[in-house]
Each structure stands twice: as C-alpha cells, then as structure tokens.
C-alpha cells in the first residue's frame, strides 16, 4: 500500500468536519490530493489495485458528502459554499 498519507489526512479531515463553512474547502482539498496521489502512482508505475480502490472509494464518499450537505442545503449554506469557493 502507498506511503502517501497526506491525502488520507485531508480525507479524514473532510469526512469529520462539522463546520459547514469549512466543509466544502476541505472536501475540495481532499479530492485534489487524492487525484494527485493517483496520478503520481500511475506515473511511477506503482499503482496497486488496493490503493486505487481505496482512493476511488474515498472520492466517491467525498462526492456523496458534498451532495448530501450542499444539494439540500439552506440558502444560507449555499451562500457560504459559494463564498468558500472564492
């Protein structure tokens, strides 16, 4: 399994975030880190099926979390999400 733990830390932080004003930014950071880790593993020729599956599952979980938190969010939460996006 990969030794890259930074994407795992970001993933955990996003999944455990309770503050909606920070959640979207943490989800985006985790998604970007996972995608970067996947690219690095593929480029190095070291992509292990287990790593890829875990990262794919993590991306799917982040997407589901964002959808649950922000699709049915109140207008205030949606404004906060847009503000967090910059």
PDB file of N, CA and C in Angstrom:
ATOM      1  N   UNK A   1       0.828  -1.180   0.000  1.00  0.00           N
ATOM      2  CA  UNK A   1       0.000   0.000   0.000  1.00  0.00           C
ATOM      3  C   UNK A   1       0.874   1.245   0.000  1.00  0.00           C
ATOM      4  N   UNK A   2       0.368   2.333  -0.541  1.00  0.00           N
ATOM      5  CA  UNK A   2       1.152   3.556  -0.669  1.00  0.00           C
ATOM      6  C   UNK A   2       1.526   4.145   0.693  1.00  0.00           C
ATOM      7  N   UNK A   3       2.637   4.867   0.719  1.00  0.00           N
ATOM      8  CA  UNK A   3       3.060   5.514   1.955  1.00  0.00           C
ATOM      9  C   UNK A   3       2.607   6.966   2.000  1.00  0.00           C
ATOM     10  N   UNK A   4       1.940   7.451   0.959  1.00  0.00           N
ATOM     11  CA  UNK A   4       1.462   8.820   0.910  1.00  0.00           C
ATOM     12  C   UNK A   4       0.288   8.971   1.879  1.00  0.00           C
ATOM     13  N   UNK A   5       0.521   9.637   3.009  1.00  0.00           N
ATOM     14  CA  UNK A   5      -0.532   9.784   3.999  1.00  0.00           C
ATOM     15  C   UNK A   5      -1.221  11.137   3.944  1.00  0.00           C
ATOM     16  N   UNK A   6      -0.684  12.095   3.209  1.00  0.00           N
ATOM     17  CA  UNK A   6      -1.277  13.425   3.214  1.00  0.00           C
ATOM     18  C   UNK A   6      -2.703  13.416   2.675  1.00  0.00           C
ATOM     19  N   UNK A   7      -2.959  12.647   1.633  1.00  0.00           N
ATOM     20  CA  UNK A   7      -4.327  12.610   1.109  1.00  0.00           C
ATOM     21  C   UNK A   7      -5.259  11.951   2.115  1.00  0.00           C
ATOM     22  N   UNK A   8      -4.736  10.990   2.851  1.00  0.00           N
ATOM     23  CA  UNK A   8      -5.551  10.322   3.871  1.00  0.00           C
ATOM     24  C   UNK A   8      -5.911  11.286   5.002  1.00  0.00           C
ATOM     25  N   UNK A   9      -4.952  12.098   5.404  1.00  0.00           N
ATOM     26  CA  UNK A   9      -5.219  13.086   6.449  1.00  0.00           C
ATOM     27  C   UNK A   9      -6.274  14.090   5.996  1.00  0.00           C
ATOM     28  N   UNK A  10      -6.140  14.562   4.756  1.00  0.00           N
ATOM     29  CA  UNK A  10      -7.113  15.517   4.221  1.00  0.00           C
ATOM     30  C   UNK A  10      -8.488  14.876   4.072  1.00  0.00           C
ATOM     31  N   UNK A  11      -8.516  13.637   3.655  1.00  0.00           N
ATOM     32  CA  UNK A  11      -9.772  12.896   3.535  1.00  0.00           C
ATOM     33  C   UNK A  11     -10.453  12.771   4.898  1.00  0.00           C
ATOM     34  N   UNK A  12      -9.698  12.372   5.899  1.00  0.00           N
ATOM     35  CA  UNK A  12     -10.248  12.236   7.252  1.00  0.00           C
ATOM     36  C   UNK A  12     -10.765  13.575   7.768  1.00  0.00           C
ATOM     37  N   UNK A  13      -9.997  14.621   7.532  1.00  0.00           N
ATOM     38  CA  UNK A  13     -10.411  15.949   7.998  1.00  0.00           C
ATOM     39  C   UNK A  13     -11.724  16.373   7.344  1.00  0.00           C
ATOM     40  N   UNK A  14     -11.880  16.092   6.064  1.00  0.00           N
ATOM     41  CA  UNK A  14     -13.117  16.454   5.367  1.00  0.00           C
ATOM     42  C   UNK A  14     -14.290  15.631   5.878  1.00  0.00           C
ATOM     43  N   UNK A  15     -14.087  14.345   6.045  1.00  0.00           N
ATOM     44  CA  UNK A  15     -15.184  13.477   6.469  1.00  0.00           C
ATOM     45  C   UNK A  15     -15.626  13.768   7.903  1.00  0.00           C
ATOM     46  N   UNK A  16     -14.728  14.314   8.709  1.00  0.00           N
ATOM     47  CA  UNK A  16     -15.050  14.586  10.111  1.00  0.00           C
ATOM     48  C   UNK A  16     -15.418  16.038  10.388  1.00  0.00           C
ATOM     49  N   UNK A  17     -15.336  16.892   9.368  1.00  0.00           N
ATOM     50  CA  UNK A  17     -15.610  18.318   9.554  1.00  0.00           C
ATOM     51  C   UNK A  17     -17.083  18.547   9.881  1.00  0.00           C
ATOM     52  N   UNK A  18     -17.339  19.291  10.935  1.00  0.00           N
ATOM     53  CA  UNK A  18     -18.708  19.595  11.347  1.00  0.00           C
ATOM     54  C   UNK A  18     -19.123  21.018  10.978  1.00  0.00           C
ATOM     55  N   UNK A  19     -18.152  21.872  10.720  1.00  0.00           N
ATOM     56  CA  UNK A  19     -18.430  23.271  10.392  1.00  0.00           C
ATOM     57  C   UNK A  19     -18.696  23.392   8.895  1.00  0.00           C
ATOM     58  N   UNK A  20     -19.937  23.668   8.535  1.00  0.00           N
ATOM     59  CA  UNK A  20     -20.308  23.747   7.115  1.00  0.00           C
ATOM     60  C   UNK A  20     -19.546  24.832   6.374  1.00  0.00           C
ATOM     61  N   UNK A  21     -19.105  25.867   7.081  1.00  0.00           N
ATOM     62  CA  UNK A  21     -18.380  26.944   6.400  1.00  0.00           C
ATOM     63  C   UNK A  21     -16.996  26.479   5.947  1.00  0.00           C
ATOM     64  N   UNK A  22     -16.479  25.431   6.549  1.00  0.00           N
ATOM     65  CA  UNK A  22     -15.168  24.901   6.193  1.00  0.00           C
ATOM     66  C   UNK A  22     -15.246  23.605   5.397  1.00  0.00           C
ATOM     67  N   UNK A  23     -16.407  22.987   5.386  1.00  0.00           N
ATOM     68  CA  UNK A  23     -16.546  21.655   4.801  1.00  0.00           C
ATOM     69  C   UNK A  23     -16.221  21.615   3.321  1.00  0.00           C
ATOM     70  N   UNK A  24     -16.779  22.507   2.528  1.00  0.00           N
ATOM     71  CA  UNK A  24     -16.583  22.455   1.086  1.00  0.00           C
ATOM     72  C   UNK A  24     -15.102  22.581   0.724  1.00  0.00           C
ATOM     73  N   UNK A  25     -14.400  23.499   1.372  1.00  0.00           N
ATOM     74  CA  UNK A  25     -12.971  23.677   1.105  1.00  0.00           C
ATOM     75  C   UNK A  25     -12.186  22.416   1.461  1.00  0.00           C
ATOM     76  N   UNK A  26     -12.565  21.767   2.546  1.00  0.00           N
ATOM     77  CA  UNK A  26     -11.860  20.543   2.947  1.00  0.00           C
ATOM     78  C   UNK A  26     -12.154  19.394   1.986  1.00  0.00           C
ATOM     79  N   UNK A  27     -13.394  19.329   1.494  1.00  0.00           N
ATOM     80  CA  UNK A  27     -13.727  18.307   0.505  1.00  0.00           C
ATOM     81  C   UNK A  27     -12.902  18.523  -0.762  1.00  0.00           C
ATOM     82  N   UNK A  28     -12.843  19.759  -1.228  1.00  0.00           N
ATOM     83  CA  UNK A  28     -12.061  20.052  -2.437  1.00  0.00           C
ATOM     84  C   UNK A  28     -10.590  19.732  -2.250  1.00  0.00           C
ATOM     85  N   UNK A  29     -10.028  20.079  -1.098  1.00  0.00           N
ATOM     86  CA  UNK A  29      -8.610  19.802  -0.836  1.00  0.00           C
ATOM     87  C   UNK A  29      -8.347  18.298  -0.826  1.00  0.00           C
ATOM     88  N   UNK A  30      -9.231  17.548  -0.212  1.00  0.00           N
ATOM     89  CA  UNK A  30      -9.060  16.091  -0.164  1.00  0.00           C
ATOM     90  C   UNK A  30      -9.181  15.484  -1.558  1.00  0.00           C
ATOM     91  N   UNK A  31     -10.159  15.933  -2.325  1.00  0.00           N
ATOM     92  CA  UNK A  31     -10.320  15.415  -3.690  1.00  0.00           C
ATOM     93  C   UNK A  31      -9.086  15.698  -4.526  1.00  0.00           C
ATOM     94  N   UNK A  32      -8.565  16.904  -4.439  1.00  0.00           N
ATOM     95  CA  UNK A  32      -7.371  17.258  -5.209  1.00  0.00           C
ATOM     96  C   UNK A  32      -6.172  16.416  -4.794  1.00  0.00           C
ATOM     97  N   UNK A  33      -6.015  16.205  -3.502  1.00  0.00           N
ATOM     98  CA  UNK A  33      -4.884  15.406  -3.007  1.00  0.00           C
ATOM     99  C   UNK A  33      -4.997  13.947  -3.457  1.00  0.00           C
ATOM    100  N   UNK A  34      -6.208  13.411  -3.439  1.00  0.00           N
ATOM    101  CA  UNK A  34      -6.401  12.026  -3.872  1.00  0.00           C
ATOM    102  C   UNK A  34      -6.101  11.900  -5.364  1.00  0.00           C
ATOM    103  N   UNK A  35      -6.608  12.820  -6.149  1.00  0.00           N
ATOM    104  CA  UNK A  35      -6.361  12.774  -7.598  1.00  0.00           C
ATOM    105  C   UNK A  35      -4.873  12.903  -7.895  1.00  0.00           C
ATOM    106  N   UNK A  36      -4.182  13.777  -7.157  1.00  0.00           N
ATOM    107  CA  UNK A  36      -2.736  13.938  -7.349  1.00  0.00           C
ATOM    108  C   UNK A  36      -2.002  12.657  -6.967  1.00  0.00           C
ATOM    109  N   UNK A  37      -2.392  12.034  -5.861  1.00  0.00           N
ATOM    110  CA  UNK A  37      -1.750  10.785  -5.430  1.00  0.00           C
ATOM    111  C   UNK A  37      -1.968   9.685  -6.458  1.00  0.00           C
ATOM    112  N   UNK A  38      -3.166   9.626  -7.032  1.00  0.00           N
ATOM    113  CA  UNK A  38      -3.443   8.634  -8.080  1.00  0.00           C
ATOM    114  C   UNK A  38      -2.543   8.862  -9.290  1.00  0.00           C
ATOM    115  N   UNK A  39      -2.421  10.117  -9.701  1.00  0.00           N
ATOM    116  CA  UNK A  39      -1.561  10.432 -10.853  1.00  0.00           C
ATOM    117  C   UNK A  39      -0.114  10.056 -10.586  1.00  0.00           C
ATOM    118  N   UNK A  40       0.374  10.356  -9.392  1.00  0.00           N
ATOM    119  CA  UNK A  40       1.762  10.037  -9.052  1.00  0.00           C
ATOM    120  C   UNK A  40       1.996   8.530  -9.057  1.00  0.00           C
ATOM    121  N   UNK A  41       1.058   7.785  -8.540  1.00  0.00           N
ATOM    122  CA  UNK A  41       1.219   6.332  -8.523  1.00  0.00           C
ATOM    123  C   UNK A  41       1.197   5.761  -9.935  1.00  0.00           C
ATOM    124  N   UNK A  42       0.330   6.271 -10.765  1.00  0.00           N
ATOM    125  CA  UNK A  42       0.259   5.800 -12.151  1.00  0.00           C
ATOM    126  C   UNK A  42       1.547   6.163 -12.885  1.00  0.00           C
ATOM    127  N   UNK A  43       2.017   7.407 -12.693  1.00  0.00           N
ATOM    128  CA  UNK A  43       3.250   7.848 -13.355  1.00  0.00           C
ATOM    129  C   UNK A  43       4.452   7.011 -12.933  1.00  0.00           C
ATOM    130  N   UNK A  44       4.474   6.597 -11.670  1.00  0.00           N
ATOM    131  CA  UNK A  44       5.585   5.787 -11.164  1.00  0.00           C
ATOM    132  C   UNK A  44       5.421   4.312 -11.505  1.00  0.00           C
ATOM    133  N   UNK A  45       4.281   3.940 -12.045  1.00  0.00           N
ATOM    134  CA  UNK A  45       4.031   2.541 -12.350  1.00  0.00           C
ATOM    135  C   UNK A  45       3.830   1.695 -11.109  1.00  0.00           C
ATOM    136  N   UNK A  46       3.467   2.331  -9.981  1.00  0.00           N
ATOM    137  CA  UNK A  46       3.342   1.614  -8.724  1.00  0.00           C
ATOM    138  C   UNK A  46       1.897   1.443  -8.277  1.00  0.00           C
ATOM    139  N   UNK A  47       0.961   1.723  -9.158  1.00  0.00           N
ATOM    140  CA  UNK A  47      -0.434   1.680  -8.742  1.00  0.00           C
ATOM    141  C   UNK A  47      -0.852   0.251  -8.406  1.00  0.00           C
ATOM    142  N   UNK A  48      -1.192   0.075  -7.169  1.00  0.00           N
ATOM    143  CA  UNK A  48      -1.648  -1.209  -6.665  1.00  0.00           C
ATOM    144  C   UNK A  48      -3.175  -1.176  -6.664  1.00  0.00           C
ATOM    145  N   UNK A  49      -3.800  -2.271  -7.035  1.00  0.00           N
ATOM    146  CA  UNK A  49      -5.253  -2.322  -7.129  1.00  0.00           C
ATOM    147  C   UNK A  49      -5.895  -1.884  -5.813  1.00  0.00           C
ATOM    148  N   UNK A  50      -5.346  -2.322  -4.705  1.00  0.00           N
ATOM    149  CA  UNK A  50      -5.899  -1.964  -3.399  1.00  0.00           C
ATOM    150  C   UNK A  50      -5.847  -0.449  -3.176  1.00  0.00           C
ATOM    151  N   UNK A  51      -4.723   0.186  -3.543  1.00  0.00           N
ATOM    152  CA  UNK A  51      -4.598   1.639  -3.421  1.00  0.00           C
ATOM    153  C   UNK A  51      -5.648   2.345  -4.272  1.00  0.00           C
ATOM    154  N   UNK A  52      -5.749   1.924  -5.509  1.00  0.00           N
ATOM    155  CA  UNK A  52      -6.690   2.561  -6.431  1.00  0.00           C
ATOM    156  C   UNK A  52      -8.117   2.423  -5.918  1.00  0.00           C
ATOM    157  N   UNK A  53      -8.477   1.262  -5.428  1.00  0.00           N
ATOM    158  CA  UNK A  53      -9.832   1.046  -4.924  1.00  0.00           C
ATOM    159  C   UNK A  53     -10.110   1.916  -3.713  1.00  0.00           C
ATOM    160  N   UNK A  54      -9.141   2.015  -2.802  1.00  0.00           N
ATOM    161  CA  UNK A  54      -9.329   2.826  -1.607  1.00  0.00           C
ATOM    162  C   UNK A  54      -9.499   4.294  -1.983  1.00  0.00           C
ATOM    163  N   UNK A  55      -8.688   4.773  -2.925  1.00  0.00           N
ATOM    164  CA  UNK A  55      -8.776   6.170  -3.351  1.00  0.00           C
ATOM    165  C   UNK A  55     -10.082   6.435  -4.098  1.00  0.00           C
ATOM    166  N   UNK A  56     -10.494   5.494  -4.924  1.00  0.00           N
ATOM    167  CA  UNK A  56     -11.760   5.639  -5.650  1.00  0.00           C
ATOM    168  C   UNK A  56     -12.925   5.685  -4.668  1.00  0.00           C
ATOM    169  N   UNK A  57     -12.887   4.828  -3.666  1.00  0.00           N
ATOM    170  CA  UNK A  57     -13.931   4.835  -2.639  1.00  0.00           C
ATOM    171  C   UNK A  57     -13.933   6.160  -1.876  1.00  0.00           C
ATOM    172  N   UNK A  58     -12.753   6.668  -1.564  1.00  0.00           N
ATOM    173  CA  UNK A  58     -12.651   7.934  -0.846  1.00  0.00           C
ATOM    174  C   UNK A  58     -13.244   9.072  -1.676  1.00  0.00           C
ATOM    175  N   UNK A  59     -12.932   9.113  -2.968  1.00  0.00           N
ATOM    176  CA  UNK A  59     -13.508  10.142  -3.836  1.00  0.00           C
ATOM    177  C   UNK A  59     -15.028  10.025  -3.889  1.00  0.00           C
ATOM    178  N   UNK A  60     -15.521   8.817  -3.975  1.00  0.00           N
ATOM    179  CA  UNK A  60     -16.970   8.599  -4.011  1.00  0.00           C
ATOM    180  C   UNK A  60     -17.619   9.070  -2.700  1.00  0.00           C
ATOM    181  N   UNK A  61     -16.989   8.786  -1.572  1.00  0.00           N
ATOM    182  CA  UNK A  61     -17.517   9.215  -0.283  1.00  0.00           C
ATOM    183  C   UNK A  61     -17.534  10.737  -0.165  1.00  0.00           C
ATOM    184  N   UNK A  62     -16.479  11.386  -0.636  1.00  0.00           N
ATOM    185  CA  UNK A  62     -16.429  12.849  -0.597  1.00  0.00           C
ATOM    186  C   UNK A  62     -17.523  13.455  -1.470  1.00  0.00           C
ATOM    187  N   UNK A  63     -17.722  12.875  -2.636  1.00  0.00           N
ATOM    188  CA  UNK A  63     -18.768  13.357  -3.540  1.00  0.00           C
ATOM    189  C   UNK A  63     -20.142  13.205  -2.872  1.00  0.00           C
ATOM    190  N   UNK A  64     -20.373  12.078  -2.245  1.00  0.00           N
ATOM    191  CA  UNK A  64     -21.651  11.847  -1.568  1.00  0.00           C
ATOM    192  C   UNK A  64     -21.844  12.831  -0.414  1.00  0.00           C
ATOM    193  N   UNK A  65     -20.787  13.075   0.341  1.00  0.00           N
ATOM    194  CA  UNK A  65     -20.867  14.021   1.447  1.00  0.00           C
ATOM    195  C   UNK A  65     -21.218  15.411   0.936  1.00  0.00           C
ATOM    196  N   UNK A  66     -20.544  15.846  -0.118  1.00  0.00           N
ATOM    197  CA  UNK A  66     -20.836  17.164  -0.687  1.00  0.00           C
ATOM    198  C   UNK A  66     -22.274  17.234  -1.181  1.00  0.00           C
ATOM    199  N   UNK A  67     -22.714  16.196  -1.842  1.00  0.00           N
ATOM    200  CA  UNK A  67     -24.076  16.170  -2.367  1.00  0.00           C
ATOM    201  C   UNK A  67     -25.090  16.240  -1.216  1.00  0.00           C
ATOM    202  N   UNK A  68     -24.871  15.463  -0.178  1.00  0.00           N
ATOM    203  CA  UNK A  68     -25.791  15.460   0.964  1.00  0.00           C
ATOM    204  C   UNK A  68     -25.805  16.788   1.701  1.00  0.00           C
ATOM    205  N   UNK A  69     -24.648  17.360   1.876  1.00  0.00           N
ATOM    206  CA  UNK A  69     -24.544  18.585   2.655  1.00  0.00           C
ATOM    207  C   UNK A  69     -24.981  19.827   1.891  1.00  0.00           C
ATOM    208  N   UNK A  70     -24.761  19.854   0.583  1.00  0.00           N
ATOM    209  CA  UNK A  70     -24.965  21.099  -0.139  1.00  0.00           C
ATOM    210  C   UNK A  70     -26.098  21.079  -1.149  1.00  0.00           C
ATOM    211  N   UNK A  71     -26.550  19.926  -1.591  1.00  0.00           N
ATOM    212  CA  UNK A  71     -27.656  19.888  -2.538  1.00  0.00           C
ATOM    213  C   UNK A  71     -28.946  20.315  -1.864  1.00  0.00           C
ATOM    214  N   UNK A  72     -29.184  19.816  -0.682  1.00  0.00           N
ATOM    215  CA  UNK A  72     -30.401  20.148   0.045  1.00  0.00           C
ATOM    216  C   UNK A  72     -30.155  21.206   1.109  1.00  0.00           C
ATOM    217  N   UNK A  73     -29.074  21.941   0.951  1.00  0.00           N
ATOM    218  CA  UNK A  73     -28.701  22.932   1.951  1.00  0.00           C
ATOM    219  C   UNK A  73     -29.631  24.137   1.894  1.00  0.00           C
ATOM    220  N   UNK A  74     -29.683  24.802   2.995  1.00  0.00           N
ATOM    221  CA  UNK A  74     -30.463  26.029   3.068  1.00  0.00           C
ATOM    222  C   UNK A  74     -29.797  27.086   2.190  1.00  0.00           C
ATOM    223  N   UNK A  75     -30.528  28.144   1.826  1.00  0.00           N
ATOM    224  CA  UNK A  75     -29.916  29.223   1.036  1.00  0.00           C
ATOM    225  C   UNK A  75     -28.685  29.809   1.715  1.00  0.00           C
ATOM    226  N   UNK A  76     -28.696  29.879   3.036  1.00  0.00           N
ATOM    227  CA  UNK A  76     -27.534  30.394   3.769  1.00  0.00           C
ATOM    228  C   UNK A  76     -26.333  29.480   3.576  1.00  0.00           C
ATOM    229  N   UNK A  77     -26.532  28.181   3.666  1.00  0.00           N
ATOM    230  CA  UNK A  77     -25.433  27.229   3.486  1.00  0.00           C
ATOM    231  C   UNK A  77     -24.899  27.292   2.065  1.00  0.00           C
ATOM    232  N   UNK A  78     -25.795  27.457   1.081  1.00  0.00           N
ATOM    233  CA  UNK A  78     -25.332  27.551  -0.309  1.00  0.00           C
ATOM    234  C   UNK A  78     -24.510  28.819  -0.517  1.00  0.00           C
ATOM    235  N   UNK A  79     -24.904  29.946   0.129  1.00  0.00           N
ATOM    236  CA  UNK A  79     -24.119  31.175   0.024  1.00  0.00           C
ATOM    237  C   UNK A  79     -22.742  30.974   0.642  1.00  0.00           C
ATOM    238  N   UNK A  80     -22.696  30.281   1.792  1.00  0.00           N
ATOM    239  CA  UNK A  80     -21.422  30.010   2.444  1.00  0.00           C
ATOM    240  C   UNK A  80     -20.528  29.156   1.561  1.00  0.00           C
ATOM    241  N   UNK A  81     -21.131  28.189   0.874  1.00  0.00           N
ATOM    242  CA  UNK A  81     -20.371  27.328  -0.032  1.00  0.00           C
ATOM    243  C   UNK A  81     -19.772  28.164  -1.155  1.00  0.00           C
ATOM    244  N   UNK A  82     -20.584  29.046  -1.748  1.00  0.00           N
ATOM    245  CA  UNK A  82     -20.079  29.885  -2.846  1.00  0.00           C
ATOM    246  C   UNK A  82     -18.984  30.809  -2.358  1.00  0.00           C
ATOM    247  N   UNK A  83     -19.153  31.354  -1.142  1.00  0.00           N
ATOM    248  CA  UNK A  83     -18.139  32.236  -0.587  1.00  0.00           C
ATOM    249  C   UNK A  83     -16.832  31.467  -0.350  1.00  0.00           C
ATOM    250  N   UNK A  84     -16.928  30.243   0.104  1.00  0.00           N
ATOM    251  CA  UNK A  84     -15.738  29.419   0.345  1.00  0.00           C
ATOM    252  C   UNK A  84     -15.020  29.085  -0.965  1.00  0.00           C
ATOM    253  N   UNK A  85     -15.783  29.011  -2.054  1.00  0.00           N
ATOM    254  CA  UNK A  85     -15.178  28.721  -3.356  1.00  0.00           C
ATOM    255  C   UNK A  85     -14.369  29.892  -3.878  1.00  0.00           C
ATOM    256  N   UNK A  86     -14.631  31.077  -3.358  1.00  0.00           N
ATOM    257  CA  UNK A  86     -13.851  32.247  -3.746  1.00  0.00           C
ATOM    258  C   UNK A  86     -14.567  33.049  -4.701  1.00  0.00           C
TER     259      UNK A  86
END
